[in-house]
Amino acid sequence: HITPEKFYVEACDDGADDVLAIDRVSTEVTLTVKKDVPPSAVTRPIYGILGTIRLVAGTYLIVITKKKKVGEIFSHAIWKATDFDILSYKKTMLHLTDIQLQDNKVFLSMLSHVLSVDGFYFSTTYDLTHTLQRLANTSPEFQEMSLLER
């Protein structure tokens, strides 16, 4: 969900009530609940957050807007991120000079090019950041940690 003040990322899991709120001015990230999302927010589906990047115009949020299932590992779906959106935290670009606007446009173009190259994979249930060998040698405590905590 997008409002002029915040980005709200809502989990689609059954029973999930938590919503990630990202303040577009302070860039503060907090957890809130679904009822805090204003009804006026523009809503659209995303499949994940790739991250944030700071360019000339300010901070941008990079989200995955399309995915394709490419396989499974131990019955865990592996997805390829195939399309992205680059969302500006700033509501306007009026604070930039013409040269800064041009530079920002070039950087956005470069970023779009990098995102268009194959190679962005993810899983919501399997740890792709560690090799199978490493996972086999980790402690039970590590195995019980959520993917986010790892």
N, C-alpha and C. Protein backbone atom coordinates (compact mmCIF):
# COMPACT_ATOMS: atom_id res chain seq x y z
N HIS A 1 0.86 -1.16 0.00
CA HIS A 1 0.00 0.00 0.00
C HIS A 1 0.91 1.23 0.00
N ILE A 2 0.51 2.26 -0.76
CA ILE A 2 1.33 3.48 -0.84
C ILE A 2 0.47 4.68 -0.48
N THR A 3 0.98 5.51 0.44
CA THR A 3 0.37 6.80 0.75
C THR A 3 1.46 7.85 0.57
N PRO A 4 1.11 9.12 0.57
CA PRO A 4 2.16 10.15 0.45
C PRO A 4 3.16 10.12 1.61
N GLU A 5 2.76 9.57 2.76
CA GLU A 5 3.64 9.56 3.93
C GLU A 5 4.41 8.26 4.11
N LYS A 6 3.80 7.11 3.71
CA LYS A 6 4.42 5.82 4.03
C LYS A 6 4.18 4.79 2.94
N PHE A 7 5.07 3.78 2.95
CA PHE A 7 4.84 2.54 2.23
C PHE A 7 4.40 1.53 3.29
N TYR A 8 3.39 0.74 2.99
CA TYR A 8 2.94 -0.33 3.88
C TYR A 8 3.06 -1.64 3.13
N VAL A 9 3.79 -2.59 3.70
CA VAL A 9 3.94 -3.91 3.07
C VAL A 9 3.21 -4.92 3.95
N GLU A 10 2.17 -5.51 3.37
CA GLU A 10 1.31 -6.42 4.10
C GLU A 10 1.62 -7.85 3.68
N ALA A 11 1.80 -8.72 4.65
CA ALA A 11 2.02 -10.14 4.37
C ALA A 11 0.71 -10.76 3.90
N CYS A 12 0.81 -11.68 2.98
CA CYS A 12 -0.39 -12.34 2.44
C CYS A 12 -0.65 -13.69 3.09
N ASP A 13 0.14 -14.05 4.09
CA ASP A 13 -0.07 -15.32 4.79
C ASP A 13 -1.39 -15.30 5.53
N ASP A 14 -2.05 -16.45 5.58
CA ASP A 14 -3.30 -16.56 6.34
C ASP A 14 -3.04 -16.23 7.80
N GLY A 15 -3.88 -15.38 8.35
CA GLY A 15 -3.78 -15.03 9.76
C GLY A 15 -2.74 -13.97 10.08
N ALA A 16 -1.95 -13.55 9.12
CA ALA A 16 -0.92 -12.53 9.38
C ALA A 16 -1.59 -11.17 9.52
N ASP A 17 -1.29 -10.48 10.59
CA ASP A 17 -1.87 -9.16 10.83
C ASP A 17 -0.82 -8.06 10.78
N ASP A 18 0.46 -8.44 10.86
CA ASP A 18 1.53 -7.46 10.87
C ASP A 18 1.72 -6.81 9.50
N VAL A 19 2.03 -5.53 9.54
CA VAL A 19 2.30 -4.76 8.33
C VAL A 19 3.60 -3.98 8.56
N LEU A 20 4.50 -4.06 7.58
CA LEU A 20 5.74 -3.30 7.64
C LEU A 20 5.45 -1.89 7.16
N ALA A 21 5.73 -0.90 7.98
CA ALA A 21 5.50 0.50 7.62
C ALA A 21 6.85 1.19 7.43
N ILE A 22 7.03 1.80 6.26
CA ILE A 22 8.27 2.51 5.95
C ILE A 22 7.93 3.98 5.76
N ASP A 23 8.43 4.82 6.65
CA ASP A 23 8.17 6.25 6.58
C ASP A 23 8.96 6.84 5.42
N ARG A 24 8.28 7.54 4.53
CA ARG A 24 8.92 8.08 3.33
C ARG A 24 9.76 9.32 3.61
N VAL A 25 9.59 9.93 4.78
CA VAL A 25 10.38 11.12 5.13
C VAL A 25 11.58 10.73 5.99
N SER A 26 11.33 10.05 7.11
CA SER A 26 12.41 9.69 8.04
C SER A 26 13.11 8.39 7.64
N THR A 27 12.52 7.60 6.76
CA THR A 27 12.97 6.27 6.33
C THR A 27 12.91 5.25 7.47
N GLU A 28 12.25 5.59 8.57
CA GLU A 28 12.11 4.67 9.69
C GLU A 28 11.22 3.50 9.30
N VAL A 29 11.63 2.30 9.70
CA VAL A 29 10.87 1.08 9.41
C VAL A 29 10.30 0.55 10.72
N THR A 30 8.99 0.35 10.77
CA THR A 30 8.33 -0.15 11.97
C THR A 30 7.31 -1.23 11.60
N LEU A 31 6.87 -1.96 12.60
CA LEU A 31 5.79 -2.92 12.42
C LEU A 31 4.50 -2.30 12.96
N THR A 32 3.44 -2.47 12.19
CA THR A 32 2.13 -1.99 12.61
C THR A 32 1.12 -3.09 12.26
N VAL A 33 -0.17 -2.76 12.31
CA VAL A 33 -1.21 -3.74 11.99
C VAL A 33 -2.05 -3.25 10.82
N LYS A 34 -2.79 -4.17 10.19
CA LYS A 34 -3.56 -3.87 8.98
C LYS A 34 -4.52 -2.70 9.17
N LYS A 35 -5.12 -2.59 10.34
CA LYS A 35 -6.11 -1.52 10.53
C LYS A 35 -5.49 -0.13 10.50
N ASP A 36 -4.15 -0.05 10.62
CA ASP A 36 -3.46 1.25 10.56
C ASP A 36 -3.22 1.73 9.13
N VAL A 37 -3.45 0.87 8.15
CA VAL A 37 -3.27 1.26 6.75
C VAL A 37 -4.47 2.11 6.32
N PRO A 38 -4.25 3.35 5.91
CA PRO A 38 -5.37 4.22 5.52
C PRO A 38 -6.14 3.65 4.32
N PRO A 39 -7.47 3.76 4.32
CA PRO A 39 -8.25 3.26 3.18
C PRO A 39 -7.93 3.98 1.88
N SER A 40 -7.37 5.17 1.97
CA SER A 40 -7.02 5.94 0.77
C SER A 40 -5.74 5.46 0.10
N ALA A 41 -5.02 4.52 0.73
CA ALA A 41 -3.74 4.05 0.19
C ALA A 41 -3.94 3.36 -1.14
N VAL A 42 -3.02 3.61 -2.06
CA VAL A 42 -3.01 2.91 -3.35
C VAL A 42 -2.44 1.51 -3.10
N THR A 43 -3.18 0.50 -3.50
CA THR A 43 -2.80 -0.88 -3.20
C THR A 43 -2.47 -1.63 -4.48
N ARG A 44 -1.37 -2.38 -4.43
CA ARG A 44 -1.01 -3.25 -5.55
C ARG A 44 -0.14 -4.38 -5.02
N PRO A 45 -0.16 -5.51 -5.73
CA PRO A 45 0.60 -6.66 -5.22
C PRO A 45 2.08 -6.56 -5.53
N ILE A 46 2.88 -7.02 -4.58
CA ILE A 46 4.31 -7.21 -4.80
C ILE A 46 4.66 -8.58 -4.24
N TYR A 47 5.81 -9.10 -4.63
CA TYR A 47 6.22 -10.42 -4.17
C TYR A 47 7.42 -10.37 -3.24
N GLY A 48 7.93 -9.19 -2.98
CA GLY A 48 9.04 -9.06 -2.06
C GLY A 48 9.72 -7.71 -2.20
N ILE A 49 10.59 -7.44 -1.26
CA ILE A 49 11.40 -6.22 -1.26
C ILE A 49 12.83 -6.62 -1.54
N LEU A 50 13.41 -6.06 -2.60
CA LEU A 50 14.82 -6.33 -2.89
C LEU A 50 15.71 -5.48 -1.99
N GLY A 51 15.28 -4.25 -1.71
CA GLY A 51 16.08 -3.40 -0.84
C GLY A 51 15.83 -1.93 -1.12
N THR A 52 16.72 -1.10 -0.58
CA THR A 52 16.65 0.34 -0.80
C THR A 52 17.98 0.79 -1.38
N ILE A 53 17.94 1.93 -2.05
CA ILE A 53 19.16 2.51 -2.61
C ILE A 53 19.02 4.03 -2.54
N ARG A 54 20.13 4.70 -2.26
CA ARG A 54 20.14 6.16 -2.23
C ARG A 54 20.77 6.68 -3.51
N LEU A 55 20.00 7.47 -4.25
CA LEU A 55 20.48 8.11 -5.47
C LEU A 55 20.48 9.62 -5.26
N VAL A 56 20.72 10.37 -6.30
CA VAL A 56 20.79 11.83 -6.20
C VAL A 56 19.50 12.41 -5.63
N ALA A 57 18.35 11.90 -6.08
CA ALA A 57 17.05 12.45 -5.66
C ALA A 57 16.64 12.01 -4.26
N GLY A 58 17.33 11.03 -3.71
CA GLY A 58 16.97 10.52 -2.39
C GLY A 58 16.89 9.00 -2.41
N THR A 59 16.18 8.45 -1.43
CA THR A 59 16.09 7.01 -1.27
C THR A 59 14.99 6.44 -2.15
N TYR A 60 15.24 5.24 -2.65
CA TYR A 60 14.27 4.50 -3.45
C TYR A 60 14.08 3.11 -2.85
N LEU A 61 12.86 2.61 -2.93
CA LEU A 61 12.53 1.26 -2.50
C LEU A 61 12.39 0.39 -3.75
N ILE A 62 13.10 -0.74 -3.79
CA ILE A 62 13.04 -1.64 -4.94
C ILE A 62 12.20 -2.85 -4.55
N VAL A 63 11.09 -3.06 -5.26
CA VAL A 63 10.18 -4.17 -4.96
C VAL A 63 10.08 -5.11 -6.15
N ILE A 64 9.81 -6.38 -5.85
CA ILE A 64 9.61 -7.40 -6.89
C ILE A 64 8.14 -7.38 -7.29
N THR A 65 7.87 -7.16 -8.59
CA THR A 65 6.48 -7.08 -9.06
C THR A 65 6.04 -8.30 -9.87
N LYS A 66 7.00 -9.09 -10.33
CA LYS A 66 6.67 -10.33 -11.04
C LYS A 66 7.68 -11.39 -10.65
N LYS A 67 7.20 -12.64 -10.61
CA LYS A 67 8.07 -13.76 -10.28
C LYS A 67 7.70 -14.95 -11.13
N LYS A 68 8.63 -15.90 -11.25
CA LYS A 68 8.40 -17.12 -12.01
C LYS A 68 9.00 -18.27 -11.22
N LYS A 69 8.23 -19.32 -11.02
CA LYS A 69 8.75 -20.48 -10.31
C LYS A 69 9.74 -21.20 -11.22
N VAL A 70 10.95 -21.44 -10.70
CA VAL A 70 11.99 -22.07 -11.52
C VAL A 70 12.37 -23.45 -11.01
N GLY A 71 11.86 -23.83 -9.85
CA GLY A 71 12.17 -25.16 -9.34
C GLY A 71 11.85 -25.31 -7.88
N GLU A 72 12.29 -26.43 -7.35
CA GLU A 72 12.09 -26.73 -5.93
C GLU A 72 13.35 -27.36 -5.36
N ILE A 73 13.61 -27.09 -4.09
CA ILE A 73 14.66 -27.76 -3.33
C ILE A 73 13.99 -28.33 -2.10
N PHE A 74 14.00 -29.63 -1.96
CA PHE A 74 13.37 -30.29 -0.82
C PHE A 74 11.93 -29.81 -0.62
N SER A 75 11.17 -29.72 -1.70
CA SER A 75 9.76 -29.29 -1.70
C SER A 75 9.58 -27.81 -1.36
N HIS A 76 10.63 -27.02 -1.37
CA HIS A 76 10.55 -25.58 -1.16
C HIS A 76 10.62 -24.90 -2.52
N ALA A 77 9.65 -24.04 -2.81
CA ALA A 77 9.60 -23.35 -4.09
C ALA A 77 10.75 -22.35 -4.21
N ILE A 78 11.38 -22.34 -5.38
CA ILE A 78 12.43 -21.37 -5.70
C ILE A 78 11.89 -20.48 -6.82
N TRP A 79 11.96 -19.17 -6.60
CA TRP A 79 11.38 -18.19 -7.52
C TRP A 79 12.47 -17.35 -8.14
N LYS A 80 12.23 -16.95 -9.37
CA LYS A 80 13.09 -15.99 -10.06
C LYS A 80 12.33 -14.67 -10.12
N ALA A 81 12.93 -13.62 -9.62
CA ALA A 81 12.32 -12.29 -9.72
C ALA A 81 12.51 -11.81 -11.15
N THR A 82 11.39 -11.50 -11.84
CA THR A 82 11.48 -11.16 -13.27
C THR A 82 11.15 -9.71 -13.57
N ASP A 83 10.55 -9.00 -12.62
CA ASP A 83 10.26 -7.58 -12.86
C ASP A 83 10.26 -6.84 -11.53
N PHE A 84 10.66 -5.58 -11.60
CA PHE A 84 10.84 -4.78 -10.39
C PHE A 84 10.23 -3.39 -10.60
N ASP A 85 9.90 -2.73 -9.49
CA ASP A 85 9.56 -1.32 -9.51
C ASP A 85 10.53 -0.60 -8.59
N ILE A 86 10.90 0.59 -8.99
CA ILE A 86 11.79 1.43 -8.18
C ILE A 86 10.94 2.62 -7.73
N LEU A 87 10.60 2.63 -6.44
CA LEU A 87 9.67 3.62 -5.89
C LEU A 87 10.42 4.68 -5.10
N SER A 88 10.23 5.93 -5.46
CA SER A 88 10.89 7.03 -4.77
C SER A 88 10.22 7.32 -3.43
N TYR A 89 11.03 7.54 -2.41
CA TYR A 89 10.50 7.99 -1.12
C TYR A 89 9.99 9.43 -1.25
N LYS A 90 10.63 10.19 -2.12
CA LYS A 90 10.26 11.60 -2.30
C LYS A 90 8.99 11.72 -3.11
N LYS A 91 8.16 12.70 -2.77
CA LYS A 91 6.89 12.91 -3.48
C LYS A 91 7.09 13.76 -4.73
N THR A 92 8.19 14.51 -4.77
CA THR A 92 8.44 15.42 -5.88
C THR A 92 9.93 15.52 -6.14
N MET A 93 10.27 15.97 -7.30
CA MET A 93 11.69 16.17 -7.66
C MET A 93 12.02 17.67 -7.77
N LEU A 94 11.17 18.51 -7.24
CA LEU A 94 11.36 19.96 -7.35
C LEU A 94 12.61 20.45 -6.63
N HIS A 95 13.14 19.66 -5.70
CA HIS A 95 14.33 20.06 -4.95
C HIS A 95 15.63 19.87 -5.74
N LEU A 96 15.53 19.32 -6.95
CA LEU A 96 16.72 19.03 -7.74
C LEU A 96 16.97 20.06 -8.83
N THR A 97 18.24 20.30 -9.13
CA THR A 97 18.60 21.14 -10.27
C THR A 97 18.44 20.31 -11.54
N ASP A 98 18.53 20.94 -12.68
CA ASP A 98 18.43 20.22 -13.96
C ASP A 98 19.53 19.17 -14.10
N ILE A 99 20.73 19.51 -13.66
CA ILE A 99 21.85 18.57 -13.74
C ILE A 99 21.60 17.38 -12.81
N GLN A 100 21.11 17.65 -11.60
CA GLN A 100 20.80 16.57 -10.66
C GLN A 100 19.69 15.67 -11.21
N LEU A 101 18.68 16.29 -11.83
CA LEU A 101 17.60 15.50 -12.44
C LEU A 101 18.15 14.57 -13.51
N GLN A 102 19.03 15.10 -14.36
CA GLN A 102 19.63 14.29 -15.42
C GLN A 102 20.48 13.16 -14.83
N ASP A 103 21.31 13.48 -13.83
CA ASP A 103 22.13 12.45 -13.18
C ASP A 103 21.26 11.36 -12.57
N ASN A 104 20.19 11.77 -11.88
CA ASN A 104 19.31 10.80 -11.25
C ASN A 104 18.66 9.90 -12.30
N LYS A 105 18.28 10.49 -13.44
CA LYS A 105 17.68 9.73 -14.52
C LYS A 105 18.67 8.68 -15.06
N VAL A 106 19.93 9.07 -15.20
CA VAL A 106 20.97 8.15 -15.67
C VAL A 106 21.14 7.00 -14.67
N PHE A 107 21.21 7.33 -13.37
CA PHE A 107 21.38 6.29 -12.34
C PHE A 107 20.18 5.35 -12.31
N LEU A 108 18.97 5.88 -12.46
CA LEU A 108 17.78 5.03 -12.50
C LEU A 108 17.82 4.10 -13.70
N SER A 109 18.28 4.61 -14.83
CA SER A 109 18.41 3.80 -16.03
C SER A 109 19.44 2.68 -15.83
N MET A 110 20.55 3.00 -15.20
CA MET A 110 21.58 2.00 -14.91
C MET A 110 21.04 0.93 -13.96
N LEU A 111 20.32 1.36 -12.95
CA LEU A 111 19.72 0.44 -11.99
C LEU A 111 18.70 -0.47 -12.67
N SER A 112 17.87 0.10 -13.53
CA SER A 112 16.90 -0.70 -14.27
C SER A 112 17.58 -1.74 -15.14
N HIS A 113 18.71 -1.36 -15.75
CA HIS A 113 19.47 -2.30 -16.57
C HIS A 113 20.00 -3.46 -15.72
N VAL A 114 20.57 -3.16 -14.57
CA VAL A 114 21.09 -4.22 -13.69
C VAL A 114 19.95 -5.15 -13.27
N LEU A 115 18.79 -4.59 -12.95
CA LEU A 115 17.66 -5.41 -12.52
C LEU A 115 17.10 -6.27 -13.65
N SER A 116 17.34 -5.87 -14.89
CA SER A 116 16.83 -6.64 -16.03
C SER A 116 17.70 -7.85 -16.37
N VAL A 117 18.89 -7.92 -15.78
CA VAL A 117 19.80 -9.05 -16.01
C VAL A 117 19.34 -10.22 -15.15
N ASP A 118 19.34 -11.43 -15.74
CA ASP A 118 18.95 -12.62 -14.98
C ASP A 118 19.83 -12.82 -13.76
N GLY A 119 19.25 -13.41 -12.73
CA GLY A 119 20.09 -13.77 -11.59
C GLY A 119 19.53 -13.43 -10.23
N PHE A 120 18.30 -12.96 -10.13
CA PHE A 120 17.71 -12.63 -8.84
C PHE A 120 16.72 -13.73 -8.46
N TYR A 121 17.12 -14.56 -7.50
CA TYR A 121 16.31 -15.70 -7.07
C TYR A 121 15.99 -15.56 -5.60
N PHE A 122 14.84 -16.14 -5.20
CA PHE A 122 14.47 -16.10 -3.79
C PHE A 122 13.54 -17.25 -3.45
N SER A 123 13.44 -17.53 -2.17
CA SER A 123 12.50 -18.50 -1.64
C SER A 123 11.97 -17.93 -0.33
N THR A 124 10.71 -18.13 -0.09
CA THR A 124 10.12 -17.64 1.16
C THR A 124 10.19 -18.68 2.27
N THR A 125 10.62 -19.92 1.92
CA THR A 125 10.64 -20.99 2.92
C THR A 125 11.97 -21.71 3.02
N TYR A 126 12.93 -21.41 2.16
CA TYR A 126 14.22 -22.10 2.16
C TYR A 126 15.35 -21.08 2.14
N ASP A 127 16.41 -21.39 2.86
CA ASP A 127 17.57 -20.50 2.98
C ASP A 127 18.50 -20.67 1.78
N LEU A 128 18.39 -19.76 0.82
CA LEU A 128 19.26 -19.79 -0.36
C LEU A 128 20.61 -19.13 -0.12
N THR A 129 20.78 -18.50 1.03
CA THR A 129 22.01 -17.75 1.30
C THR A 129 23.13 -18.63 1.85
N HIS A 130 22.80 -19.87 2.21
CA HIS A 130 23.81 -20.79 2.73
C HIS A 130 23.81 -22.06 1.88
N THR A 131 24.99 -22.65 1.72
CA THR A 131 25.08 -23.90 0.98
C THR A 131 24.45 -25.03 1.79
N LEU A 132 24.08 -26.10 1.10
CA LEU A 132 23.52 -27.27 1.78
C LEU A 132 24.52 -27.84 2.78
N GLN A 133 25.80 -27.83 2.43
CA GLN A 133 26.84 -28.33 3.33
C GLN A 133 26.90 -27.50 4.61
N ARG A 134 26.84 -26.19 4.45
CA ARG A 134 26.88 -25.32 5.64
C ARG A 134 25.65 -25.54 6.51
N LEU A 135 24.48 -25.64 5.87
CA LEU A 135 23.25 -25.86 6.63
C LEU A 135 23.30 -27.18 7.40
N ALA A 136 23.95 -28.20 6.83
CA ALA A 136 24.05 -29.50 7.50
C ALA A 136 24.94 -29.43 8.74
N ASN A 137 25.84 -28.45 8.77
CA ASN A 137 26.78 -28.34 9.90
C ASN A 137 26.41 -27.25 10.89
N THR A 138 25.19 -26.73 10.81
CA THR A 138 24.78 -25.68 11.75
C THR A 138 24.09 -26.29 12.96
N SER A 139 24.01 -25.48 13.99
CA SER A 139 23.40 -25.94 15.24
C SER A 139 21.88 -26.01 15.12
N PRO A 140 21.24 -26.79 15.98
CA PRO A 140 19.77 -26.84 15.99
C PRO A 140 19.15 -25.46 16.24
N GLU A 141 19.83 -24.64 17.04
CA GLU A 141 19.33 -23.29 17.30
C GLU A 141 19.28 -22.47 16.02
N PHE A 142 20.33 -22.61 15.19
CA PHE A 142 20.37 -21.90 13.92
C PHE A 142 19.25 -22.39 13.01
N GLN A 143 19.04 -23.69 12.96
CA GLN A 143 18.00 -24.28 12.12
C GLN A 143 16.60 -23.78 12.51
N GLU A 144 16.41 -23.50 13.79
CA GLU A 144 15.10 -23.06 14.28
C GLU A 144 14.87 -21.56 14.06
N MET A 145 15.92 -20.81 13.74
CA MET A 145 15.79 -19.37 13.52
C MET A 145 14.99 -19.12 12.23
N SER A 146 14.26 -18.03 12.20
CA SER A 146 13.55 -17.67 10.98
C SER A 146 14.57 -17.25 9.92
N LEU A 147 14.14 -17.27 8.66
CA LEU A 147 15.03 -16.84 7.58
C LEU A 147 15.49 -15.41 7.78
N LEU A 148 14.61 -14.56 8.30
CA LEU A 148 14.95 -13.16 8.54
C LEU A 148 16.05 -13.05 9.59
N GLU A 149 15.97 -13.85 10.66
CA GLU A 149 16.96 -13.80 11.73
C GLU A 149 18.32 -14.31 11.26
N ARG A 150 18.33 -15.24 10.33
CA ARG A 150 19.60 -15.78 9.83
C ARG A 150 20.37 -14.71 9.10
